[in-house]
Amino acid sequence: MEEIQFRNADLKDLEKIVAIYNSTIPSRMVTADTEDVSVESRKQWFKEHNPETRPLWVIEDRSNGIIGWVSFSSFYGRPAYNGTVEMSIYLDESCRGKGVGKKVLQYCIDNAEKHGITTLLGFIFLHNEPSLKLFRHFGFEDWGTLPDVAVLDGIERSLKILGKRIDNK
């Protein structure tokens, strides 16, 4: 398994972040986007992250090449939910299925509390069995199913909400 490191994303990383994101669209497993997004269209999303409470980390290999990214995004946009985030993990095609996701998810769990996070959420398509298996491996529980809420290539798809409380009391 590859050695990886995390750092806060910089605006100059956005092009690579978008490229990795766009590489997942054709699989129809990871995102509800059906066409590539542009760097310009993701600038506002980028600005909604900050190192203190809503980190956006790039994942680098030993040679400092970006092999993925992970973000904590605000859930539902109301103050009472400040301790809850939706996690997004995206890996370069060359790193998928090689254990990198486990390292990333463990890093997120280990670092959630220092960012004021008490609840981690994953929104995962029901047909995305590898991601469901990954999250469940770390004790995420099924907290809900939104049946047939997305249509991808004419096929209705359901969305699972997986959650995990971070209790370090």
C-alpha atoms as a PDB file:
ATOM      1  CA  MET A   1       0.000   0.000   0.000  1.00  0.00           C
ATOM      2  CA  GLU A   2       1.313   3.369  -1.021  1.00  0.00           C
ATOM      3  CA  GLU A   3       2.582   5.945   1.472  1.00  0.00           C
ATOM      4  CA  ILE A   4       0.441   9.029   1.351  1.00  0.00           C
ATOM      5  CA  GLN A   5       0.335  12.460   2.941  1.00  0.00           C
ATOM      6  CA  PHE A   6      -2.342  15.088   3.337  1.00  0.00           C
ATOM      7  CA  ARG A   7      -2.176  18.844   2.987  1.00  0.00           C
ATOM      8  CA  ASN A   8      -4.672  21.655   2.761  1.00  0.00           C
ATOM      9  CA  ALA A   9      -5.628  22.286  -0.842  1.00  0.00           C
ATOM     10  CA  ASP A  10      -4.524  25.476  -2.517  1.00  0.00           C
ATOM     11  CA  LEU A  11      -6.378  27.157  -5.381  1.00  0.00           C
ATOM     12  CA  LYS A  12      -3.586  26.014  -7.721  1.00  0.00           C
ATOM     13  CA  ASP A  13      -4.656  22.410  -6.928  1.00  0.00           C
ATOM     14  CA  LEU A  14      -8.190  22.953  -8.197  1.00  0.00           C
ATOM     15  CA  GLU A  15      -7.393  21.881 -11.752  1.00  0.00           C
ATOM     16  CA  LYS A  16      -6.152  18.477 -10.550  1.00  0.00           C
ATOM     17  CA  ILE A  17      -9.041  18.166  -8.058  1.00  0.00           C
ATOM     18  CA  VAL A  18     -11.518  18.733 -10.890  1.00  0.00           C
ATOM     19  CA  ALA A  19      -9.692  16.301 -13.191  1.00  0.00           C
ATOM     20  CA  ILE A  20      -9.894  13.537 -10.574  1.00  0.00           C
ATOM     21  CA  TYR A  21     -13.561  14.322  -9.962  1.00  0.00           C
ATOM     22  CA  ASN A  22     -14.342  14.279 -13.669  1.00  0.00           C
ATOM     23  CA  SER A  23     -12.603  10.911 -14.041  1.00  0.00           C
ATOM     24  CA  THR A  24     -15.322   9.354 -11.852  1.00  0.00           C
ATOM     25  CA  ILE A  25     -18.308  10.633 -13.851  1.00  0.00           C
ATOM     26  CA  PRO A  26     -18.349   7.946 -16.609  1.00  0.00           C
ATOM     27  CA  SER A  27     -18.671   5.102 -14.075  1.00  0.00           C
ATOM     28  CA  ARG A  28     -22.055   6.453 -12.894  1.00  0.00           C
ATOM     29  CA  MET A  29     -21.123   5.090  -9.440  1.00  0.00           C
ATOM     30  CA  VAL A  30     -19.781   8.069  -7.535  1.00  0.00           C
ATOM     31  CA  THR A  31     -21.410  11.344  -8.505  1.00  0.00           C
ATOM     32  CA  ALA A  32     -24.741  12.535  -9.844  1.00  0.00           C
ATOM     33  CA  ASP A  33     -22.983  14.778 -12.355  1.00  0.00           C
ATOM     34  CA  THR A  34     -23.402  13.358 -15.835  1.00  0.00           C
ATOM     35  CA  GLU A  35     -20.971  15.647 -17.702  1.00  0.00           C
ATOM     36  CA  ASP A  36     -17.563  17.034 -16.803  1.00  0.00           C
ATOM     37  CA  VAL A  37     -17.502  20.084 -14.573  1.00  0.00           C
ATOM     38  CA  SER A  38     -15.175  23.028 -15.189  1.00  0.00           C
ATOM     39  CA  VAL A  39     -12.550  24.468 -12.882  1.00  0.00           C
ATOM     40  CA  GLU A  40     -14.416  27.771 -13.022  1.00  0.00           C
ATOM     41  CA  SER A  41     -17.667  26.137 -11.904  1.00  0.00           C
ATOM     42  CA  ARG A  42     -15.936  24.669  -8.818  1.00  0.00           C
ATOM     43  CA  LYS A  43     -14.340  27.886  -7.510  1.00  0.00           C
ATOM     44  CA  GLN A  44     -17.268  28.756  -5.226  1.00  0.00           C
ATOM     45  CA  TRP A  45     -17.281  25.210  -3.833  1.00  0.00           C
ATOM     46  CA  PHE A  46     -13.537  25.536  -3.208  1.00  0.00           C
ATOM     47  CA  LYS A  47     -14.070  28.813  -1.309  1.00  0.00           C
ATOM     48  CA  GLU A  48     -16.640  27.148   0.958  1.00  0.00           C
ATOM     49  CA  HIS A  49     -13.826  25.108   2.512  1.00  0.00           C
ATOM     50  CA  ASN A  50     -11.344  26.256   5.118  1.00  0.00           C
ATOM     51  CA  PRO A  51      -8.584  24.536   7.104  1.00  0.00           C
ATOM     52  CA  GLU A  52     -10.254  25.227  10.465  1.00  0.00           C
ATOM     53  CA  THR A  53     -13.727  23.714  10.138  1.00  0.00           C
ATOM     54  CA  ARG A  54     -14.341  22.547   6.550  1.00  0.00           C
ATOM     55  CA  PRO A  55     -11.051  21.193   5.265  1.00  0.00           C
ATOM     56  CA  LEU A  56     -10.343  20.252   1.686  1.00  0.00           C
ATOM     57  CA  TRP A  57      -7.242  18.092   1.669  1.00  0.00           C
ATOM     58  CA  VAL A  58      -5.273  16.879  -1.298  1.00  0.00           C
ATOM     59  CA  ILE A  59      -3.720  13.451  -0.978  1.00  0.00           C
ATOM     60  CA  GLU A  60      -0.172  13.156  -2.251  1.00  0.00           C
ATOM     61  CA  ASP A  61       2.067  10.218  -2.978  1.00  0.00           C
ATOM     62  CA  ARG A  62       5.749   9.986  -2.015  1.00  0.00           C
ATOM     63  CA  SER A  63       6.775  12.220  -4.909  1.00  0.00           C
ATOM     64  CA  ASN A  64       4.208  14.900  -3.927  1.00  0.00           C
ATOM     65  CA  GLY A  65       1.959  14.078  -6.856  1.00  0.00           C
ATOM     66  CA  ILE A  66      -1.737  14.567  -6.139  1.00  0.00           C
ATOM     67  CA  ILE A  67      -3.499  11.184  -6.189  1.00  0.00           C
ATOM     68  CA  GLY A  68      -6.806  12.271  -4.678  1.00  0.00           C
ATOM     69  CA  TRP A  69      -8.687  14.631  -2.445  1.00  0.00           C
ATOM     70  CA  VAL A  70     -11.127  14.582   0.444  1.00  0.00           C
ATOM     71  CA  SER A  71     -13.456  17.264   1.735  1.00  0.00           C
ATOM     72  CA  PHE A  72     -15.705  18.023   4.680  1.00  0.00           C
ATOM     73  CA  SER A  73     -18.724  19.984   3.440  1.00  0.00           C
ATOM     74  CA  SER A  74     -21.409  21.640   5.519  1.00  0.00           C
ATOM     75  CA  PHE A  75     -24.568  19.617   5.972  1.00  0.00           C
ATOM     76  CA  TYR A  76     -27.856  21.418   5.416  1.00  0.00           C
ATOM     77  CA  GLY A  77     -26.393  24.912   5.942  1.00  0.00           C
ATOM     78  CA  ARG A  78     -27.944  25.705   9.335  1.00  0.00           C
ATOM     79  CA  PRO A  79     -25.965  26.557  12.495  1.00  0.00           C
ATOM     80  CA  ALA A  80     -27.371  23.683  14.552  1.00  0.00           C
ATOM     81  CA  TYR A  81     -25.669  21.285  12.117  1.00  0.00           C
ATOM     82  CA  ASN A  82     -22.175  22.820  12.390  1.00  0.00           C
ATOM     83  CA  GLY A  83     -20.774  19.630  13.950  1.00  0.00           C
ATOM     84  CA  THR A  84     -21.998  17.506  11.041  1.00  0.00           C
ATOM     85  CA  VAL A  85     -20.257  17.221   7.680  1.00  0.00           C
ATOM     86  CA  GLU A  86     -20.676  15.341   4.460  1.00  0.00           C
ATOM     87  CA  MET A  87     -17.437  13.641   3.462  1.00  0.00           C
ATOM     88  CA  SER A  88     -16.350  13.277  -0.139  1.00  0.00           C
ATOM     89  CA  ILE A  89     -13.394  11.105  -1.141  1.00  0.00           C
ATOM     90  CA  TYR A  90     -12.131  11.021  -4.713  1.00  0.00           C
ATOM     91  CA  LEU A  91      -9.077   9.066  -5.847  1.00  0.00           C
ATOM     92  CA  ASP A  92      -7.130   9.008  -9.087  1.00  0.00           C
ATOM     93  CA  GLU A  93      -8.000   5.965 -11.188  1.00  0.00           C
ATOM     94  CA  SER A  94      -4.529   4.487 -10.590  1.00  0.00           C
ATOM     95  CA  CYS A  95      -5.128   4.403  -6.809  1.00  0.00           C
ATOM     96  CA  ARG A  96      -8.600   2.921  -6.598  1.00  0.00           C
ATOM     97  CA  GLY A  97      -9.013  -0.504  -5.014  1.00  0.00           C
ATOM     98  CA  LYS A  98      -5.516  -0.498  -3.501  1.00  0.00           C
ATOM     99  CA  GLY A  99      -6.246   0.391   0.128  1.00  0.00           C
ATOM    100  CA  VAL A 100      -5.726   4.140  -0.241  1.00  0.00           C
ATOM    101  CA  GLY A 101      -9.383   4.787   0.584  1.00  0.00           C
ATOM    102  CA  LYS A 102      -8.942   3.046   3.951  1.00  0.00           C
ATOM    103  CA  LYS A 103      -6.030   5.325   4.828  1.00  0.00           C
ATOM    104  CA  VAL A 104      -8.030   8.380   3.772  1.00  0.00           C
ATOM    105  CA  LEU A 105     -11.120   7.441   5.743  1.00  0.00           C
ATOM    106  CA  GLN A 106      -9.043   6.645   8.838  1.00  0.00           C
ATOM    107  CA  TYR A 107      -7.340  10.052   8.528  1.00  0.00           C
ATOM    108  CA  CYS A 108     -10.740  11.761   8.363  1.00  0.00           C
ATOM    109  CA  ILE A 109     -12.021   9.930  11.443  1.00  0.00           C
ATOM    110  CA  ASP A 110      -8.799  10.670  13.349  1.00  0.00           C
ATOM    111  CA  ASN A 111      -8.888  14.383  12.464  1.00  0.00           C
ATOM    112  CA  ALA A 112     -12.612  15.133  12.671  1.00  0.00           C
ATOM    113  CA  GLU A 113     -12.667  16.265  16.294  1.00  0.00           C
ATOM    114  CA  LYS A 114      -9.949  18.899  15.846  1.00  0.00           C
ATOM    115  CA  HIS A 115     -12.161  20.494  13.195  1.00  0.00           C
ATOM    116  CA  GLY A 116     -15.190  20.606  15.491  1.00  0.00           C
ATOM    117  CA  ILE A 117     -16.843  17.611  13.816  1.00  0.00           C
ATOM    118  CA  THR A 118     -18.984  15.216  15.841  1.00  0.00           C
ATOM    119  CA  THR A 119     -20.821  13.481  12.998  1.00  0.00           C
ATOM    120  CA  LEU A 120     -19.510  12.261   9.641  1.00  0.00           C
ATOM    121  CA  LEU A 121     -21.908  11.511   6.807  1.00  0.00           C
ATOM    122  CA  GLY A 122     -21.391   9.733   3.518  1.00  0.00           C
ATOM    123  CA  PHE A 123     -23.912  10.001   0.688  1.00  0.00           C
ATOM    124  CA  ILE A 124     -23.289   6.926  -1.458  1.00  0.00           C
ATOM    125  CA  PHE A 125     -25.232   5.423  -4.339  1.00  0.00           C
ATOM    126  CA  LEU A 126     -26.754   2.078  -3.376  1.00  0.00           C
ATOM    127  CA  HIS A 127     -25.076   0.425  -6.383  1.00  0.00           C
ATOM    128  CA  ASN A 128     -21.612   1.685  -5.316  1.00  0.00           C
ATOM    129  CA  GLU A 129     -20.749  -1.435  -3.350  1.00  0.00           C
ATOM    130  CA  PRO A 130     -17.004  -0.704  -2.972  1.00  0.00           C
ATOM    131  CA  SER A 131     -17.676   2.638  -1.241  1.00  0.00           C
ATOM    132  CA  LEU A 132     -20.438   1.197   0.934  1.00  0.00           C
ATOM    133  CA  LYS A 133     -18.089  -1.603   2.006  1.00  0.00           C
ATOM    134  CA  LEU A 134     -15.321   0.901   2.796  1.00  0.00           C
ATOM    135  CA  PHE A 135     -17.499   3.092   4.997  1.00  0.00           C
ATOM    136  CA  ARG A 136     -19.103   0.137   6.776  1.00  0.00           C
ATOM    137  CA  HIS A 137     -15.620  -1.260   7.496  1.00  0.00           C
ATOM    138  CA  PHE A 138     -15.051   1.830   9.655  1.00  0.00           C
ATOM    139  CA  GLY A 139     -18.308   1.481  11.545  1.00  0.00           C
ATOM    140  CA  PHE A 140     -20.487   3.800   9.509  1.00  0.00           C
ATOM    141  CA  GLU A 141     -24.115   2.776   9.881  1.00  0.00           C
ATOM    142  CA  ASP A 142     -27.002   2.987   7.441  1.00  0.00           C
ATOM    143  CA  TRP A 143     -28.978   6.040   8.518  1.00  0.00           C
ATOM    144  CA  GLY A 144     -31.282   6.289   5.568  1.00  0.00           C
ATOM    145  CA  THR A 145     -32.129   5.452   1.992  1.00  0.00           C
ATOM    146  CA  LEU A 146     -33.498   7.869  -0.553  1.00  0.00           C
ATOM    147  CA  PRO A 147     -35.094   5.523  -3.086  1.00  0.00           C
ATOM    148  CA  ASP A 148     -34.712   6.226  -6.797  1.00  0.00           C
ATOM    149  CA  VAL A 149     -33.809   9.906  -6.321  1.00  0.00           C
ATOM    150  CA  ALA A 150     -31.290  10.050  -9.187  1.00  0.00           C
ATOM    151  CA  VAL A 151     -31.549   9.108 -12.838  1.00  0.00           C
ATOM    152  CA  LEU A 152     -28.294   8.100 -14.501  1.00  0.00           C
ATOM    153  CA  ASP A 153     -28.469   7.118 -18.149  1.00  0.00           C
ATOM    154  CA  GLY A 154     -32.182   6.445 -17.800  1.00  0.00           C
ATOM    155  CA  ILE A 155     -31.766   4.212 -14.733  1.00  0.00           C
ATOM    156  CA  GLU A 156     -33.202   5.314 -11.393  1.00  0.00           C
ATOM    157  CA  ARG A 157     -30.648   5.077  -8.596  1.00  0.00           C
ATOM    158  CA  SER A 158     -31.059   5.146  -4.819  1.00  0.00           C
ATOM    159  CA  LEU A 159     -28.850   7.036  -2.398  1.00  0.00           C
ATOM    160  CA  LYS A 160     -27.677   5.656   0.951  1.00  0.00           C
ATOM    161  CA  ILE A 161     -26.872   7.949   3.851  1.00  0.00           C
ATOM    162  CA  LEU A 162     -24.214   6.439   6.092  1.00  0.00           C
ATOM    163  CA  GLY A 163     -23.261   8.083   9.354  1.00  0.00           C
ATOM    164  CA  LYS A 164     -20.756   7.809  12.156  1.00  0.00           C
ATOM    165  CA  ARG A 165     -20.620   9.679  15.440  1.00  0.00           C
ATOM    166  CA  ILE A 166     -17.182  10.818  16.543  1.00  0.00           C
ATOM    167  CA  ASP A 167     -17.270  10.479  20.319  1.00  0.00           C
ATOM    168  CA  ASN A 168     -13.911  10.994  21.941  1.00  0.00           C
ATOM    169  CA  LYS A 169     -15.262  11.483  25.434  1.00  0.00           C
END
